[in-house]
Amino acid sequence: MSPTFTGLFTGRLVGIMEKDGYDRLGPSLTGRWFLVPFSDGDAGAHGADAADAAALLLRLADEVKGRNLMSATYPFTYVHTPDDPQMIKLYDPLACGSGCSSGSPMPWWVVSRVAPSADELASLRGAFAGADTPFWKKLIPWRA
């Protein structure tokens, strides 16, 4: 049975923790990919070849490097099967919050071999609704 976008998105991914791993990822891509600017509200997937997918990875790395962050020089990157990636989730280091966050951050970009349906994207994005609400507001019930 072929994997679904949702199955890959919610499945086990391996973090790339070293510069060399990120640098090898782009050139290792082959075939057709779907690029999803996930944190961009209603944006859908764009079909791309491996060269365009690799160029996106380089562009995102350049963007993060250009910020001169002491703690991050690459997007936080998680890959389904690093030897034969089916999905890559990239997180903007500035949008990930702190270690004491009460939820998971929304991916910045998703690069997938499997095309997402509009319903899948809406459902997955909906799971992050309210994720940017400060922790203390979740603890204290506010009244208008």
Protein backbone atom coordinates (compact mmCIF):
# COMPACT_ATOMS: atom_id res chain seq x y z
CA MET A 1 0.00 0.00 0.00
CA SER A 2 1.36 3.42 -0.94
CA PRO A 3 1.94 5.93 1.84
CA THR A 4 -0.40 8.89 2.17
CA PHE A 5 0.67 12.47 2.78
CA THR A 6 -1.03 12.40 6.20
CA GLY A 7 0.57 9.05 7.06
CA LEU A 8 4.03 10.40 6.25
CA PHE A 9 3.33 13.73 7.99
CA THR A 10 2.24 12.10 11.25
CA GLY A 11 4.66 9.16 11.02
CA ARG A 12 8.18 8.67 12.31
CA LEU A 13 10.75 11.12 11.00
CA VAL A 14 14.47 11.29 11.76
CA GLY A 15 16.09 14.60 12.69
CA ILE A 16 19.13 15.79 10.79
CA MET A 17 21.43 17.16 13.43
CA GLU A 18 24.65 17.74 11.52
CA LYS A 19 25.61 20.19 8.79
CA ASP A 20 26.91 17.34 6.61
CA GLY A 21 23.56 15.56 6.77
CA TYR A 22 21.71 18.66 5.60
CA ASP A 23 24.28 19.35 2.89
CA ARG A 24 23.90 15.77 1.56
CA LEU A 25 20.11 15.82 1.62
CA GLY A 26 19.44 18.14 -1.34
CA PRO A 27 21.80 16.43 -3.81
CA SER A 28 20.38 13.01 -2.82
CA LEU A 29 16.86 13.90 -4.01
CA THR A 30 15.63 12.29 -7.22
CA GLY A 31 12.34 12.21 -9.09
CA ARG A 32 9.20 14.27 -8.60
CA TRP A 33 8.41 16.22 -5.41
CA PHE A 34 5.64 18.38 -4.01
CA LEU A 35 6.65 21.57 -2.22
CA VAL A 36 4.21 22.81 0.43
CA PRO A 37 4.72 26.20 2.11
CA PHE A 38 2.95 24.72 5.13
CA SER A 39 2.94 27.77 7.39
CA ASP A 40 1.48 29.88 4.57
CA GLY A 41 -2.19 29.49 5.48
CA ASP A 42 -4.07 28.34 2.42
CA ALA A 43 -1.18 27.68 0.02
CA GLY A 44 -1.33 24.36 -1.78
CA ALA A 45 1.38 22.04 -3.04
CA HIS A 46 3.54 22.89 -6.03
CA GLY A 47 4.95 20.11 -8.17
CA ALA A 48 8.72 20.25 -8.64
CA ASP A 49 11.60 18.19 -9.92
CA ALA A 50 14.48 17.12 -7.70
CA ALA A 51 16.62 20.13 -8.69
CA ASP A 52 13.87 22.55 -7.61
CA ALA A 53 13.36 20.69 -4.33
CA ALA A 54 17.12 20.79 -3.64
CA ALA A 55 17.18 24.51 -4.52
CA LEU A 56 14.43 25.12 -1.95
CA LEU A 57 16.51 23.39 0.74
CA LEU A 58 19.49 25.58 -0.14
CA ARG A 59 17.38 28.75 -0.17
CA LEU A 60 15.91 27.99 3.26
CA ALA A 61 19.38 27.23 4.64
CA ASP A 62 20.68 30.53 3.23
CA GLU A 63 17.76 32.37 4.80
CA VAL A 64 18.46 30.88 8.23
CA LYS A 65 22.22 31.45 7.91
CA GLY A 66 21.58 35.07 6.91
CA ARG A 67 19.88 35.72 10.26
CA ASN A 68 23.18 35.11 12.10
CA LEU A 69 21.52 33.06 14.83
CA MET A 70 23.90 31.61 17.37
CA SER A 71 21.76 28.54 17.93
CA ALA A 72 20.78 27.56 14.36
CA THR A 73 22.51 27.61 11.00
CA TYR A 74 19.98 25.43 9.15
CA PRO A 75 16.22 24.92 9.33
CA PHE A 76 15.29 22.26 11.85
CA THR A 77 14.94 19.31 9.49
CA TYR A 78 13.20 15.94 9.87
CA VAL A 79 13.25 13.26 7.18
CA HIS A 80 11.32 10.08 6.51
CA THR A 81 13.91 7.39 5.80
CA PRO A 82 17.07 9.50 5.22
CA ASP A 83 18.47 6.97 2.71
CA ASP A 84 15.36 7.23 0.53
CA PRO A 85 13.35 10.28 1.69
CA GLN A 86 9.63 10.31 1.07
CA MET A 87 8.97 13.45 3.13
CA ILE A 88 11.08 16.24 4.57
CA LYS A 89 9.66 18.63 7.17
CA LEU A 90 11.53 21.90 7.69
CA TYR A 91 10.94 24.18 10.66
CA ASP A 92 11.86 27.83 10.96
CA PRO A 93 14.08 28.09 14.07
CA LEU A 94 12.53 31.45 14.96
CA ALA A 95 9.01 30.02 14.92
CA CYS A 96 9.70 27.02 17.13
CA GLY A 97 9.37 28.74 20.49
CA SER A 98 11.21 27.59 23.54
CA GLY A 99 11.90 24.25 25.14
CA CYS A 100 9.00 24.78 27.55
CA SER A 101 6.42 25.20 24.81
CA SER A 102 3.07 23.52 25.33
CA GLY A 103 2.65 22.26 21.77
CA SER A 104 4.34 21.32 18.55
CA PRO A 105 5.41 24.06 16.15
CA MET A 106 3.96 24.24 12.65
CA PRO A 107 6.33 23.19 9.87
CA TRP A 108 7.68 25.99 7.71
CA TRP A 109 7.88 23.88 4.53
CA VAL A 110 7.07 20.27 3.70
CA VAL A 111 8.76 18.54 0.77
CA SER A 112 6.99 15.31 -0.14
CA ARG A 113 6.98 12.63 -2.82
CA VAL A 114 3.26 12.19 -2.14
CA ALA A 115 0.89 14.97 -3.22
CA PRO A 116 -1.38 16.22 -0.45
CA SER A 117 -5.06 16.75 -1.09
CA ALA A 118 -6.63 20.08 -0.15
CA ASP A 119 -8.59 18.26 2.59
CA GLU A 120 -5.41 16.75 4.05
CA LEU A 121 -3.69 20.13 4.17
CA ALA A 122 -6.72 21.80 5.78
CA SER A 123 -6.98 19.04 8.39
CA LEU A 124 -3.28 19.02 9.22
CA ARG A 125 -3.07 22.82 9.39
CA GLY A 126 -6.18 22.85 11.58
CA ALA A 127 -4.34 20.72 14.14
CA PHE A 128 -2.00 23.67 14.70
CA ALA A 129 -4.79 26.20 15.28
CA GLY A 130 -4.04 28.08 18.46
CA ALA A 131 -0.49 26.70 18.63
CA ASP A 132 0.85 30.24 18.85
CA THR A 133 -1.29 30.99 21.92
CA PRO A 134 1.04 31.75 24.84
CA PHE A 135 1.34 28.97 27.40
CA TRP A 136 0.07 31.10 30.27
CA LYS A 137 -3.13 31.94 28.35
CA LYS A 138 -3.83 28.23 28.02
CA LEU A 139 -3.51 27.82 31.79
CA ILE A 140 -5.65 30.78 32.83
CA PRO A 141 -9.22 30.92 31.53
CA TRP A 142 -9.76 34.48 30.30
CA ARG A 143 -13.10 36.19 30.14
CA ALA A 144 -13.91 38.92 27.65
